[in-house]
């Protein structure tokens, strides 16, 4: 029964869903970081708070989710 849930959690490319979510959040966060840098370099000083929040929260959250997925995958490979 456990192998059935593992198969449904793994997409067609072989990456767990948690890894895909982590990659997506990290990519969105990095785009926000890039937007903040570009806007600051263009001379804008009053940057939107939501953009700074997205850059500061989504990037490390995506990295954390990716690392958790990586550790879970490594432990699953080690035990079974």
N, C-alpha and C. Protein backbone atom coordinates (compact mmCIF):
# COMPACT_ATOMS: atom_id res chain seq x y z
N UNK A 1 0.82 -1.19 0.00
CA UNK A 1 0.00 0.00 0.00
C UNK A 1 0.86 1.25 0.00
N UNK A 2 2.00 1.18 0.69
CA UNK A 2 2.89 2.33 0.76
C UNK A 2 3.49 2.66 -0.60
N UNK A 3 3.76 1.64 -1.41
CA UNK A 3 4.34 1.89 -2.73
C UNK A 3 3.34 2.57 -3.65
N UNK A 4 2.05 2.33 -3.44
CA UNK A 4 1.03 2.98 -4.26
C UNK A 4 1.02 4.48 -3.98
N UNK A 5 1.13 4.87 -2.72
CA UNK A 5 1.13 6.31 -2.40
C UNK A 5 2.40 6.97 -2.90
N UNK A 6 3.51 6.25 -2.88
CA UNK A 6 4.75 6.81 -3.42
C UNK A 6 4.63 7.04 -4.92
N UNK A 7 4.00 6.10 -5.62
CA UNK A 7 3.85 6.23 -7.06
C UNK A 7 2.93 7.39 -7.42
N UNK A 8 1.90 7.62 -6.63
CA UNK A 8 1.01 8.73 -6.93
C UNK A 8 1.64 10.06 -6.57
N UNK A 9 2.57 10.08 -5.61
CA UNK A 9 3.23 11.32 -5.22
C UNK A 9 4.34 11.71 -6.20
N UNK A 10 4.80 10.76 -7.00
CA UNK A 10 5.87 11.03 -7.94
C UNK A 10 5.24 11.30 -9.31
N UNK A 11 5.61 12.42 -9.90
CA UNK A 11 5.05 12.80 -11.20
C UNK A 11 5.72 12.01 -12.31
N UNK A 12 5.32 12.30 -13.53
CA UNK A 12 5.83 11.57 -14.69
C UNK A 12 7.33 11.76 -14.88
N UNK A 13 7.86 12.92 -14.44
CA UNK A 13 9.30 13.16 -14.61
C UNK A 13 10.12 12.52 -13.51
N UNK A 14 9.48 11.96 -12.49
CA UNK A 14 10.20 11.29 -11.43
C UNK A 14 10.49 12.18 -10.23
N UNK A 15 10.03 13.43 -10.23
CA UNK A 15 10.26 14.32 -9.10
C UNK A 15 9.05 14.32 -8.19
N UNK A 16 9.27 14.23 -6.89
CA UNK A 16 8.14 14.29 -5.97
C UNK A 16 7.43 15.64 -6.06
N UNK A 17 6.17 15.65 -5.68
CA UNK A 17 5.37 16.87 -5.77
C UNK A 17 5.93 17.96 -4.86
N UNK A 18 6.48 17.58 -3.71
CA UNK A 18 7.06 18.56 -2.80
C UNK A 18 8.26 19.24 -3.44
N UNK A 19 9.04 18.50 -4.20
CA UNK A 19 10.19 19.07 -4.89
C UNK A 19 9.73 20.05 -5.97
N UNK A 20 8.68 19.69 -6.69
CA UNK A 20 8.16 20.59 -7.73
C UNK A 20 7.64 21.89 -7.14
N UNK A 21 6.94 21.78 -6.00
CA UNK A 21 6.43 22.99 -5.34
C UNK A 21 7.59 23.84 -4.87
N UNK A 22 8.61 23.21 -4.30
CA UNK A 22 9.78 23.94 -3.83
C UNK A 22 10.50 24.65 -4.96
N UNK A 23 10.65 23.99 -6.08
CA UNK A 23 11.31 24.61 -7.23
C UNK A 23 10.49 25.80 -7.74
N UNK A 24 9.19 25.62 -7.80
CA UNK A 24 8.33 26.71 -8.26
C UNK A 24 8.37 27.93 -7.34
N UNK A 25 8.28 27.69 -6.03
CA UNK A 25 8.34 28.80 -5.08
C UNK A 25 9.70 29.49 -5.11
N UNK A 26 10.76 28.71 -5.23
CA UNK A 26 12.09 29.29 -5.31
C UNK A 26 12.24 30.14 -6.56
N UNK A 27 11.72 29.66 -7.68
CA UNK A 27 11.82 30.41 -8.94
C UNK A 27 11.04 31.73 -8.86
N UNK A 28 9.83 31.67 -8.30
CA UNK A 28 9.04 32.90 -8.14
C UNK A 28 9.76 33.87 -7.21
N UNK A 29 10.32 33.35 -6.13
CA UNK A 29 11.07 34.21 -5.20
C UNK A 29 12.29 34.83 -5.84
N UNK A 30 12.99 34.08 -6.67
CA UNK A 30 14.17 34.64 -7.34
C UNK A 30 13.78 35.70 -8.36
N UNK A 31 12.65 35.51 -9.03
CA UNK A 31 12.16 36.55 -9.94
C UNK A 31 11.81 37.82 -9.16
N UNK A 32 11.26 37.66 -7.97
CA UNK A 32 10.95 38.82 -7.15
C UNK A 32 12.23 39.51 -6.68
N UNK A 33 13.24 38.74 -6.32
CA UNK A 33 14.53 39.32 -5.93
C UNK A 33 15.13 40.10 -7.10
N UNK A 34 15.07 39.51 -8.28
CA UNK A 34 15.59 40.18 -9.47
C UNK A 34 14.81 41.47 -9.74
N UNK A 35 13.50 41.43 -9.59
CA UNK A 35 12.68 42.63 -9.80
C UNK A 35 13.03 43.72 -8.80
N UNK A 36 13.27 43.34 -7.54
CA UNK A 36 13.66 44.32 -6.52
C UNK A 36 14.99 44.96 -6.88
N UNK A 37 15.95 44.16 -7.30
CA UNK A 37 17.27 44.71 -7.67
C UNK A 37 17.17 45.64 -8.88
N UNK A 38 16.40 45.24 -9.88
CA UNK A 38 16.26 46.07 -11.08
C UNK A 38 15.56 47.38 -10.75
N UNK A 39 14.51 47.31 -9.95
CA UNK A 39 13.79 48.53 -9.59
C UNK A 39 14.66 49.45 -8.74
N UNK A 40 15.45 48.87 -7.84
CA UNK A 40 16.34 49.68 -7.02
C UNK A 40 17.44 50.31 -7.87
N UNK A 41 17.97 49.54 -8.82
CA UNK A 41 19.02 50.06 -9.70
C UNK A 41 18.48 51.15 -10.63
N UNK A 42 17.19 51.10 -10.93
CA UNK A 42 16.58 52.11 -11.79
C UNK A 42 16.31 53.41 -11.03
N UNK A 43 16.54 53.41 -9.74
CA UNK A 43 16.38 54.63 -8.96
C UNK A 43 15.11 54.71 -8.15
N UNK A 44 14.30 53.68 -8.18
CA UNK A 44 13.08 53.68 -7.37
C UNK A 44 13.44 53.38 -5.92
N UNK A 45 12.93 54.20 -5.02
CA UNK A 45 13.24 54.02 -3.61
C UNK A 45 12.07 53.44 -2.83
N UNK A 46 10.85 53.78 -3.21
CA UNK A 46 9.67 53.28 -2.50
C UNK A 46 9.16 52.03 -3.20
N UNK A 47 9.82 50.91 -2.95
CA UNK A 47 9.43 49.66 -3.57
C UNK A 47 8.20 49.10 -2.86
N UNK A 48 7.38 48.37 -3.58
CA UNK A 48 6.18 47.78 -2.95
C UNK A 48 6.57 46.80 -1.83
N UNK A 49 5.85 46.88 -0.74
CA UNK A 49 6.14 46.00 0.39
C UNK A 49 5.86 44.55 0.03
N UNK A 50 4.80 44.31 -0.74
CA UNK A 50 4.45 42.94 -1.09
C UNK A 50 5.55 42.28 -1.93
N UNK A 51 6.22 43.08 -2.76
CA UNK A 51 7.29 42.53 -3.59
C UNK A 51 8.50 42.14 -2.73
N UNK A 52 8.81 42.99 -1.78
CA UNK A 52 9.90 42.67 -0.86
C UNK A 52 9.55 41.46 0.00
N UNK A 53 8.28 41.35 0.41
CA UNK A 53 7.85 40.20 1.21
C UNK A 53 7.93 38.91 0.40
N UNK A 54 7.50 38.97 -0.85
CA UNK A 54 7.58 37.78 -1.71
C UNK A 54 9.03 37.37 -1.90
N UNK A 55 9.90 38.35 -2.13
CA UNK A 55 11.32 38.05 -2.33
C UNK A 55 11.95 37.47 -1.06
N UNK A 56 11.51 37.96 0.08
CA UNK A 56 12.12 37.51 1.34
C UNK A 56 11.55 36.24 1.89
N UNK A 57 10.33 35.87 1.49
CA UNK A 57 9.69 34.69 2.06
C UNK A 57 9.71 33.50 1.10
N UNK A 58 9.35 33.71 -0.15
CA UNK A 58 9.21 32.58 -1.07
C UNK A 58 10.54 31.93 -1.43
N UNK A 59 11.59 32.71 -1.54
CA UNK A 59 12.88 32.13 -1.91
C UNK A 59 13.38 31.14 -0.86
N UNK A 60 13.48 31.53 0.41
CA UNK A 60 13.94 30.53 1.39
C UNK A 60 12.92 29.42 1.63
N UNK A 61 11.62 29.73 1.50
CA UNK A 61 10.60 28.69 1.67
C UNK A 61 10.73 27.63 0.58
N UNK A 62 10.94 28.06 -0.65
CA UNK A 62 11.14 27.10 -1.74
C UNK A 62 12.39 26.28 -1.56
N UNK A 63 13.46 26.92 -1.09
CA UNK A 63 14.69 26.19 -0.82
C UNK A 63 14.48 25.16 0.29
N UNK A 64 13.78 25.55 1.33
CA UNK A 64 13.51 24.63 2.45
C UNK A 64 12.67 23.44 1.99
N UNK A 65 11.63 23.68 1.22
CA UNK A 65 10.80 22.58 0.73
C UNK A 65 11.59 21.65 -0.18
N UNK A 66 12.44 22.21 -1.01
CA UNK A 66 13.29 21.37 -1.88
C UNK A 66 14.25 20.51 -1.08
N UNK A 67 14.83 21.09 -0.04
CA UNK A 67 15.74 20.32 0.80
C UNK A 67 15.01 19.22 1.58
N UNK A 68 13.81 19.54 2.07
CA UNK A 68 13.01 18.52 2.77
C UNK A 68 12.67 17.38 1.82
N UNK A 69 12.28 17.70 0.60
CA UNK A 69 11.97 16.66 -0.38
C UNK A 69 13.20 15.82 -0.70
N UNK A 70 14.35 16.47 -0.78
CA UNK A 70 15.59 15.75 -1.07
C UNK A 70 15.95 14.79 0.06
N UNK A 71 15.81 15.24 1.30
CA UNK A 71 16.12 14.38 2.44
C UNK A 71 15.13 13.23 2.53
N UNK A 72 13.85 13.51 2.29
CA UNK A 72 12.85 12.44 2.33
C UNK A 72 13.12 11.40 1.25
N UNK A 73 13.51 11.86 0.07
CA UNK A 73 13.80 10.93 -1.03
C UNK A 73 15.04 10.09 -0.72
N UNK A 74 16.04 10.71 -0.11
CA UNK A 74 17.25 9.97 0.24
C UNK A 74 16.97 8.93 1.32
N UNK A 75 16.15 9.29 2.30
CA UNK A 75 15.81 8.33 3.35
C UNK A 75 14.97 7.19 2.81
N UNK A 76 14.06 7.50 1.89
CA UNK A 76 13.23 6.44 1.31
C UNK A 76 14.09 5.49 0.47
N UNK A 77 15.08 6.02 -0.22
CA UNK A 77 15.97 5.18 -1.02
C UNK A 77 16.88 4.31 -0.17
N UNK A 78 17.22 4.83 1.00
CA UNK A 78 18.10 4.09 1.90
C UNK A 78 17.37 2.92 2.57
N UNK A 79 16.08 3.10 2.85
CA UNK A 79 15.33 2.08 3.57
C UNK A 79 14.59 1.12 2.66
N UNK A 80 14.39 1.50 1.43
CA UNK A 80 13.60 0.58 0.61
C UNK A 80 13.99 0.63 -0.75
